[in-house]
Amino acid sequence: MMKISGRNKLQATVKEVIKGAVMAKVVMDYKGEVPVAAITTDSVDDLNLKPGDQVTALVKATEMMVIKE
Protein backbone atom coordinates (compact mmCIF):
# COMPACT_ATOMS: atom_id res chain seq x y z
CA MET A 1 0.00 0.00 0.00
CA MET A 2 1.31 3.44 -0.95
CA LYS A 3 1.68 5.94 1.89
CA ILE A 4 1.50 9.68 1.38
CA SER A 5 1.87 12.62 3.74
CA GLY A 6 -1.10 14.56 2.30
CA ARG A 7 -4.16 14.59 4.54
CA ASN A 8 -6.76 16.05 2.17
CA LYS A 9 -7.76 12.84 0.41
CA LEU A 10 -11.19 12.41 -1.19
CA GLN A 11 -12.46 8.98 -2.21
CA ALA A 12 -14.33 9.82 -5.40
CA THR A 13 -15.81 8.36 -8.57
CA VAL A 14 -14.79 9.62 -12.02
CA LYS A 15 -17.84 11.05 -13.79
CA GLU A 16 -16.21 12.39 -16.96
CA VAL A 17 -12.79 12.82 -18.56
CA ILE A 18 -12.44 15.75 -20.98
CA LYS A 19 -9.18 15.51 -22.90
CA GLY A 20 -7.51 18.41 -24.67
CA ALA A 21 -4.26 18.46 -26.62
CA VAL A 22 -2.06 18.66 -23.51
CA MET A 23 -4.32 18.93 -20.46
CA ALA A 24 -7.43 17.08 -19.34
CA LYS A 25 -10.23 17.75 -16.87
CA VAL A 26 -11.22 14.88 -14.62
CA VAL A 27 -14.72 15.48 -13.27
CA MET A 28 -15.48 13.47 -10.13
CA ASP A 29 -18.31 12.83 -7.71
CA TYR A 30 -17.48 13.15 -4.01
CA LYS A 31 -20.53 12.78 -1.77
CA GLY A 32 -22.64 14.77 -4.22
CA GLU A 33 -20.01 17.46 -4.74
CA VAL A 34 -18.21 17.78 -8.08
CA PRO A 35 -14.46 18.38 -7.73
CA VAL A 36 -12.59 18.82 -11.03
CA ALA A 37 -8.89 18.07 -11.43
CA ALA A 38 -6.75 19.47 -14.25
CA ILE A 39 -4.03 16.95 -15.11
CA THR A 40 -1.99 16.14 -18.20
CA THR A 41 -3.45 13.91 -20.88
CA ASP A 42 -0.36 11.71 -20.41
CA SER A 43 -1.42 11.17 -16.79
CA VAL A 44 -4.98 10.30 -17.87
CA ASP A 45 -3.56 7.76 -20.31
CA ASP A 46 -1.05 6.35 -17.79
CA LEU A 47 -3.80 5.88 -15.20
CA ASN A 48 -6.27 4.69 -17.86
CA LEU A 49 -8.92 6.94 -16.27
CA LYS A 50 -12.51 6.45 -17.37
CA PRO A 51 -15.98 7.17 -16.01
CA GLY A 52 -16.92 4.89 -13.14
CA ASP A 53 -13.36 4.47 -11.86
CA GLN A 54 -12.90 4.75 -8.10
CA VAL A 55 -10.05 7.18 -7.39
CA THR A 56 -8.50 9.15 -4.58
CA ALA A 57 -8.29 12.89 -5.22
CA LEU A 58 -5.44 14.44 -3.25
CA VAL A 59 -5.88 18.16 -2.63
CA LYS A 60 -2.61 20.04 -2.37
CA ALA A 61 -2.85 23.69 -1.47
CA THR A 62 -0.39 26.17 -0.03
CA GLU A 63 -3.08 28.69 0.85
CA MET A 64 -6.54 28.72 2.32
CA MET A 65 -8.99 31.57 1.93
CA VAL A 66 -11.87 32.47 4.22
CA ILE A 67 -14.89 34.42 2.95
CA LYS A 68 -17.58 35.94 5.13
CA GLU A 69 -20.66 37.61 3.74
PDB file of N, CA and C in Angstrom:
ATOM      1  N   MET A   1       0.844  -1.186   0.000  1.00  0.00           N
ATOM      2  CA  MET A   1       0.000   0.000   0.000  1.00  0.00           C
ATOM      3  C   MET A   1       0.884   1.243   0.000  1.00  0.00           C
ATOM      4  N   MET A   2       0.558   2.191  -0.865  1.00  0.00           N
ATOM      5  CA  MET A   2       1.314   3.437  -0.950  1.00  0.00           C
ATOM      6  C   MET A   2       0.931   4.347   0.208  1.00  0.00           C
ATOM      7  N   LYS A   3       1.928   4.959   0.832  1.00  0.00           N
ATOM      8  CA  LYS A   3       1.684   5.940   1.885  1.00  0.00           C
ATOM      9  C   LYS A   3       2.016   7.319   1.343  1.00  0.00           C
ATOM     10  N   ILE A   4       1.274   8.308   1.823  1.00  0.00           N
ATOM     11  CA  ILE A   4       1.503   9.683   1.384  1.00  0.00           C
ATOM     12  C   ILE A   4       1.248  10.617   2.565  1.00  0.00           C
ATOM     13  N   SER A   5       1.986  11.710   2.606  1.00  0.00           N
ATOM     14  CA  SER A   5       1.869  12.624   3.737  1.00  0.00           C
ATOM     15  C   SER A   5       0.642  13.525   3.655  1.00  0.00           C
ATOM     16  N   GLY A   6       0.066  13.689   2.468  1.00  0.00           N
ATOM     17  CA  GLY A   6      -1.101  14.558   2.304  1.00  0.00           C
ATOM     18  C   GLY A   6      -2.284  14.059   3.106  1.00  0.00           C
ATOM     19  N   ARG A   7      -3.018  14.961   3.706  1.00  0.00           N
ATOM     20  CA  ARG A   7      -4.164  14.595   4.539  1.00  0.00           C
ATOM     21  C   ARG A   7      -5.505  14.873   3.870  1.00  0.00           C
ATOM     22  N   ASN A   8      -5.514  15.672   2.830  1.00  0.00           N
ATOM     23  CA  ASN A   8      -6.764  16.049   2.173  1.00  0.00           C
ATOM     24  C   ASN A   8      -7.062  15.082   1.032  1.00  0.00           C
ATOM     25  N   LYS A   9      -7.491  13.874   1.397  1.00  0.00           N
ATOM     26  CA  LYS A   9      -7.760  12.836   0.409  1.00  0.00           C
ATOM     27  C   LYS A   9      -9.264  12.617   0.293  1.00  0.00           C
ATOM     28  N   LEU A  10      -9.765  12.611  -0.931  1.00  0.00           N
ATOM     29  CA  LEU A  10     -11.187  12.413  -1.191  1.00  0.00           C
ATOM     30  C   LEU A  10     -11.377  11.138  -2.000  1.00  0.00           C
ATOM     31  N   GLN A  11     -12.115  10.189  -1.456  1.00  0.00           N
ATOM     32  CA  GLN A  11     -12.456   8.979  -2.208  1.00  0.00           C
ATOM     33  C   GLN A  11     -13.605   9.352  -3.141  1.00  0.00           C
ATOM     34  N   ALA A  12     -13.360   9.313  -4.437  1.00  0.00           N
ATOM     35  CA  ALA A  12     -14.332   9.821  -5.405  1.00  0.00           C
ATOM     36  C   ALA A  12     -14.516   8.837  -6.556  1.00  0.00           C
ATOM     37  N   THR A  13     -15.521   9.130  -7.359  1.00  0.00           N
ATOM     38  CA  THR A  13     -15.806   8.363  -8.568  1.00  0.00           C
ATOM     39  C   THR A  13     -15.656   9.279  -9.772  1.00  0.00           C
ATOM     40  N   VAL A  14     -14.945   8.830 -10.794  1.00  0.00           N
ATOM     41  CA  VAL A  14     -14.788   9.616 -12.016  1.00  0.00           C
ATOM     42  C   VAL A  14     -16.126   9.652 -12.746  1.00  0.00           C
ATOM     43  N   LYS A  15     -16.595  10.870 -13.038  1.00  0.00           N
ATOM     44  CA  LYS A  15     -17.840  11.051 -13.793  1.00  0.00           C
ATOM     45  C   LYS A  15     -17.567  11.258 -15.274  1.00  0.00           C
ATOM     46  N   GLU A  16     -16.496  12.017 -15.568  1.00  0.00           N
ATOM     47  CA  GLU A  16     -16.211  12.386 -16.957  1.00  0.00           C
ATOM     48  C   GLU A  16     -14.735  12.739 -17.083  1.00  0.00           C
ATOM     49  N   VAL A  17     -14.162  12.422 -18.234  1.00  0.00           N
ATOM     50  CA  VAL A  17     -12.793  12.817 -18.560  1.00  0.00           C
ATOM     51  C   VAL A  17     -12.857  13.612 -19.860  1.00  0.00           C
ATOM     52  N   ILE A  18     -12.407  14.871 -19.812  1.00  0.00           N
ATOM     53  CA  ILE A  18     -12.445  15.748 -20.981  1.00  0.00           C
ATOM     54  C   ILE A  18     -10.999  16.028 -21.381  1.00  0.00           C
ATOM     55  N   LYS A  19     -10.569  15.398 -22.478  1.00  0.00           N
ATOM     56  CA  LYS A  19      -9.175  15.514 -22.898  1.00  0.00           C
ATOM     57  C   LYS A  19      -8.986  16.616 -23.928  1.00  0.00           C
ATOM     58  N   GLY A  20      -7.942  17.419 -23.705  1.00  0.00           N
ATOM     59  CA  GLY A  20      -7.506  18.405 -24.672  1.00  0.00           C
ATOM     60  C   GLY A  20      -6.204  17.933 -25.289  1.00  0.00           C
ATOM     61  N   ALA A  21      -5.516  18.822 -25.974  1.00  0.00           N
ATOM     62  CA  ALA A  21      -4.260  18.460 -26.622  1.00  0.00           C
ATOM     63  C   ALA A  21      -3.176  18.109 -25.608  1.00  0.00           C
ATOM     64  N   VAL A  22      -3.115  18.863 -24.514  1.00  0.00           N
ATOM     65  CA  VAL A  22      -2.063  18.662 -23.509  1.00  0.00           C
ATOM     66  C   VAL A  22      -2.647  18.371 -22.131  1.00  0.00           C
ATOM     67  N   MET A  23      -3.720  19.061 -21.779  1.00  0.00           N
ATOM     68  CA  MET A  23      -4.321  18.930 -20.457  1.00  0.00           C
ATOM     69  C   MET A  23      -5.692  18.261 -20.549  1.00  0.00           C
ATOM     70  N   ALA A  24      -6.117  17.711 -19.426  1.00  0.00           N
ATOM     71  CA  ALA A  24      -7.431  17.077 -19.341  1.00  0.00           C
ATOM     72  C   ALA A  24      -8.105  17.507 -18.053  1.00  0.00           C
ATOM     73  N   LYS A  25      -9.440  17.521 -18.082  1.00  0.00           N
ATOM     74  CA  LYS A  25     -10.232  17.748 -16.873  1.00  0.00           C
ATOM     75  C   LYS A  25     -10.800  16.406 -16.447  1.00  0.00           C
ATOM     76  N   VAL A  26     -10.639  16.087 -15.178  1.00  0.00           N
ATOM     77  CA  VAL A  26     -11.222  14.876 -14.622  1.00  0.00           C
ATOM     78  C   VAL A  26     -12.316  15.321 -13.661  1.00  0.00           C
ATOM     79  N   VAL A  27     -13.556  15.084 -14.056  1.00  0.00           N
ATOM     80  CA  VAL A  27     -14.718  15.478 -13.267  1.00  0.00           C
ATOM     81  C   VAL A  27     -15.090  14.286 -12.388  1.00  0.00           C
ATOM     82  N   MET A  28     -15.225  14.550 -11.083  1.00  0.00           N
ATOM     83  CA  MET A  28     -15.478  13.472 -10.132  1.00  0.00           C
ATOM     84  C   MET A  28     -16.734  13.740  -9.325  1.00  0.00           C
ATOM     85  N   ASP A  29     -17.215  12.702  -8.669  1.00  0.00           N
ATOM     86  CA  ASP A  29     -18.306  12.830  -7.706  1.00  0.00           C
ATOM     87  C   ASP A  29     -17.749  12.464  -6.344  1.00  0.00           C
ATOM     88  N   TYR A  30     -17.887  13.395  -5.390  1.00  0.00           N
ATOM     89  CA  TYR A  30     -17.485  13.146  -4.013  1.00  0.00           C
ATOM     90  C   TYR A  30     -18.642  13.533  -3.108  1.00  0.00           C
ATOM     91  N   LYS A  31     -19.388  12.553  -2.670  1.00  0.00           N
ATOM     92  CA  LYS A  31     -20.532  12.783  -1.773  1.00  0.00           C
ATOM     93  C   LYS A  31     -21.477  13.852  -2.304  1.00  0.00           C
ATOM     94  N   GLY A  32     -21.735  13.813  -3.614  1.00  0.00           N
ATOM     95  CA  GLY A  32     -22.642  14.773  -4.225  1.00  0.00           C
ATOM     96  C   GLY A  32     -21.994  16.066  -4.676  1.00  0.00           C
ATOM     97  N   GLU A  33     -20.768  16.298  -4.272  1.00  0.00           N
ATOM     98  CA  GLU A  33     -20.009  17.457  -4.737  1.00  0.00           C
ATOM     99  C   GLU A  33     -19.255  17.064  -6.006  1.00  0.00           C
ATOM    100  N   VAL A  34     -18.833  18.058  -6.792  1.00  0.00           N
ATOM    101  CA  VAL A  34     -18.206  17.777  -8.077  1.00  0.00           C
ATOM    102  C   VAL A  34     -16.831  18.448  -8.168  1.00  0.00           C
ATOM    103  N   PRO A  35     -15.811  17.842  -7.555  1.00  0.00           N
ATOM    104  CA  PRO A  35     -14.461  18.384  -7.735  1.00  0.00           C
ATOM    105  C   PRO A  35     -13.964  18.080  -9.145  1.00  0.00           C
ATOM    106  N   VAL A  36     -13.163  18.984  -9.690  1.00  0.00           N
ATOM    107  CA  VAL A  36     -12.593  18.819 -11.029  1.00  0.00           C
ATOM    108  C   VAL A  36     -11.083  18.982 -10.921  1.00  0.00           C
ATOM    109  N   ALA A  37     -10.361  18.005 -11.426  1.00  0.00           N
ATOM    110  CA  ALA A  37      -8.894  18.072 -11.432  1.00  0.00           C
ATOM    111  C   ALA A  37      -8.415  18.369 -12.847  1.00  0.00           C
ATOM    112  N   ALA A  38      -7.397  19.206 -12.966  1.00  0.00           N
ATOM    113  CA  ALA A  38      -6.750  19.474 -14.249  1.00  0.00           C
ATOM    114  C   ALA A  38      -5.401  18.757 -14.213  1.00  0.00           C
ATOM    115  N   ILE A  39      -5.266  17.725 -15.053  1.00  0.00           N
ATOM    116  CA  ILE A  39      -4.030  16.953 -15.113  1.00  0.00           C
ATOM    117  C   ILE A  39      -3.635  16.781 -16.577  1.00  0.00           C
ATOM    118  N   THR A  40      -2.426  16.318 -16.812  1.00  0.00           N
ATOM    119  CA  THR A  40      -1.985  16.142 -18.200  1.00  0.00           C
ATOM    120  C   THR A  40      -2.714  14.971 -18.846  1.00  0.00           C
ATOM    121  N   THR A  41      -2.845  15.034 -20.156  1.00  0.00           N
ATOM    122  CA  THR A  41      -3.447  13.913 -20.877  1.00  0.00           C
ATOM    123  C   THR A  41      -2.573  12.673 -20.754  1.00  0.00           C
ATOM    124  N   ASP A  42      -1.250  12.856 -20.642  1.00  0.00           N
ATOM    125  CA  ASP A  42      -0.360  11.710 -20.411  1.00  0.00           C
ATOM    126  C   ASP A  42      -0.725  10.999 -19.109  1.00  0.00           C
ATOM    127  N   SER A  43      -1.031  11.767 -18.068  1.00  0.00           N
ATOM    128  CA  SER A  43      -1.421  11.165 -16.788  1.00  0.00           C
ATOM    129  C   SER A  43      -2.741  10.417 -16.913  1.00  0.00           C
ATOM    130  N   VAL A  44      -3.699  10.986 -17.642  1.00  0.00           N
ATOM    131  CA  VAL A  44      -4.976  10.303 -17.871  1.00  0.00           C
ATOM    132  C   VAL A  44      -4.725   8.966 -18.561  1.00  0.00           C
ATOM    133  N   ASP A  45      -3.867   8.985 -19.579  1.00  0.00           N
ATOM    134  CA  ASP A  45      -3.562   7.761 -20.311  1.00  0.00           C
ATOM    135  C   ASP A  45      -2.814   6.756 -19.434  1.00  0.00           C
ATOM    136  N   ASP A  46      -1.826   7.234 -18.667  1.00  0.00           N
ATOM    137  CA  ASP A  46      -1.048   6.347 -17.794  1.00  0.00           C
ATOM    138  C   ASP A  46      -1.930   5.670 -16.748  1.00  0.00           C
ATOM    139  N   LEU A  47      -2.896   6.420 -16.213  1.00  0.00           N
ATOM    140  CA  LEU A  47      -3.801   5.879 -15.204  1.00  0.00           C
ATOM    141  C   LEU A  47      -5.002   5.159 -15.816  1.00  0.00           C
ATOM    142  N   ASN A  48      -5.143   5.278 -17.140  1.00  0.00           N
ATOM    143  CA  ASN A  48      -6.272   4.689 -17.855  1.00  0.00           C
ATOM    144  C   ASN A  48      -7.599   5.114 -17.208  1.00  0.00           C
ATOM    145  N   LEU A  49      -7.730   6.420 -16.940  1.00  0.00           N
ATOM    146  CA  LEU A  49      -8.918   6.938 -16.269  1.00  0.00           C
ATOM    147  C   LEU A  49     -10.124   6.926 -17.187  1.00  0.00           C
ATOM    148  N   LYS A  50     -11.252   6.476 -16.625  1.00  0.00           N
ATOM    149  CA  LYS A  50     -12.507   6.452 -17.372  1.00  0.00           C
ATOM    150  C   LYS A  50     -13.668   6.593 -16.398  1.00  0.00           C
ATOM    151  N   PRO A  51     -14.822   7.027 -16.885  1.00  0.00           N
ATOM    152  CA  PRO A  51     -15.981   7.170 -16.011  1.00  0.00           C
ATOM    153  C   PRO A  51     -16.279   5.872 -15.259  1.00  0.00           C
ATOM    154  N   GLY A  52     -16.613   6.038 -13.983  1.00  0.00           N
ATOM    155  CA  GLY A  52     -16.918   4.894 -13.137  1.00  0.00           C
ATOM    156  C   GLY A  52     -15.750   4.431 -12.285  1.00  0.00           C
ATOM    157  N   ASP A  53     -14.530   4.858 -12.646  1.00  0.00           N
ATOM    158  CA  ASP A  53     -13.357   4.474 -11.861  1.00  0.00           C
ATOM    159  C   ASP A  53     -13.426   5.069 -10.457  1.00  0.00           C
ATOM    160  N   GLN A  54     -13.037   4.280  -9.476  1.00  0.00           N
ATOM    161  CA  GLN A  54     -12.897   4.747  -8.102  1.00  0.00           C
ATOM    162  C   GLN A  54     -11.481   5.288  -7.952  1.00  0.00           C
ATOM    163  N   VAL A  55     -11.361   6.532  -7.505  1.00  0.00           N
ATOM    164  CA  VAL A  55     -10.055   7.183  -7.394  1.00  0.00           C
ATOM    165  C   VAL A  55      -9.943   7.897  -6.045  1.00  0.00           C
ATOM    166  N   THR A  56      -8.740   8.285  -5.713  1.00  0.00           N
ATOM    167  CA  THR A  56      -8.496   9.154  -4.577  1.00  0.00           C
ATOM    168  C   THR A  56      -7.995  10.478  -5.117  1.00  0.00           C
ATOM    169  N   ALA A  57      -8.715  11.546  -4.814  1.00  0.00           N
ATOM    170  CA  ALA A  57      -8.289  12.888  -5.217  1.00  0.00           C
ATOM    171  C   ALA A  57      -7.514  13.473  -4.036  1.00  0.00           C
ATOM    172  N   LEU A  58      -6.277  13.849  -4.285  1.00  0.00           N
ATOM    173  CA  LEU A  58      -5.442  14.441  -3.251  1.00  0.00           C
ATOM    174  C   LEU A  58      -5.382  15.938  -3.485  1.00  0.00           C
ATOM    175  N   VAL A  59      -5.851  16.708  -2.510  1.00  0.00           N
ATOM    176  CA  VAL A  59      -5.884  18.156  -2.628  1.00  0.00           C
ATOM    177  C   VAL A  59      -4.610  18.712  -2.020  1.00  0.00           C
ATOM    178  N   LYS A  60      -3.841  19.415  -2.844  1.00  0.00           N
ATOM    179  CA  LYS A  60      -2.607  20.037  -2.368  1.00  0.00           C
ATOM    180  C   LYS A  60      -2.758  21.546  -2.526  1.00  0.00           C
ATOM    181  N   ALA A  61      -2.695  22.242  -1.426  1.00  0.00           N
ATOM    182  CA  ALA A  61      -2.850  23.692  -1.467  1.00  0.00           C
ATOM    183  C   ALA A  61      -1.861  24.332  -0.504  1.00  0.00           C
ATOM    184  N   THR A  62      -1.310  25.442  -0.916  1.00  0.00           N
ATOM    185  CA  THR A  62      -0.389  26.166  -0.034  1.00  0.00           C
ATOM    186  C   THR A  62      -1.088  27.328   0.646  1.00  0.00           C
ATOM    187  N   GLU A  63      -2.328  27.594   0.259  1.00  0.00           N
ATOM    188  CA  GLU A  63      -3.077  28.695   0.848  1.00  0.00           C
ATOM    189  C   GLU A  63      -4.508  28.257   1.117  1.00  0.00           C
ATOM    190  N   MET A  64      -5.125  28.904   2.077  1.00  0.00           N
ATOM    191  CA  MET A  64      -6.539  28.717   2.315  1.00  0.00           C
ATOM    192  C   MET A  64      -7.162  30.095   2.462  1.00  0.00           C
ATOM    193  N   MET A  65      -8.297  30.300   1.833  1.00  0.00           N
ATOM    194  CA  MET A  65      -8.990  31.574   1.928  1.00  0.00           C
ATOM    195  C   MET A  65     -10.252  31.406   2.761  1.00  0.00           C
ATOM    196  N   VAL A  66     -10.632  32.469   3.442  1.00  0.00           N
ATOM    197  CA  VAL A  66     -11.873  32.472   4.218  1.00  0.00           C
ATOM    198  C   VAL A  66     -12.707  33.647   3.721  1.00  0.00           C
ATOM    199  N   ILE A  67     -13.975  33.392   3.423  1.00  0.00           N
ATOM    200  CA  ILE A  67     -14.892  34.424   2.954  1.00  0.00           C
ATOM    201  C   ILE A  67     -16.057  34.513   3.925  1.00  0.00           C
ATOM    202  N   LYS A  68     -16.418  35.737   4.282  1.00  0.00           N
ATOM    203  CA  LYS A  68     -17.581  35.938   5.133  1.00  0.00           C
ATOM    204  C   LYS A  68     -18.463  36.984   4.474  1.00  0.00           C
ATOM    205  N   GLU A  69     -19.726  36.656   4.342  1.00  0.00           N
ATOM    206  CA  GLU A  69     -20.660  37.608   3.741  1.00  0.00           C
ATOM    207  C   GLU A  69     -21.538  38.210   4.801  1.00  0.00           C
TER     208      GLU A  69
END
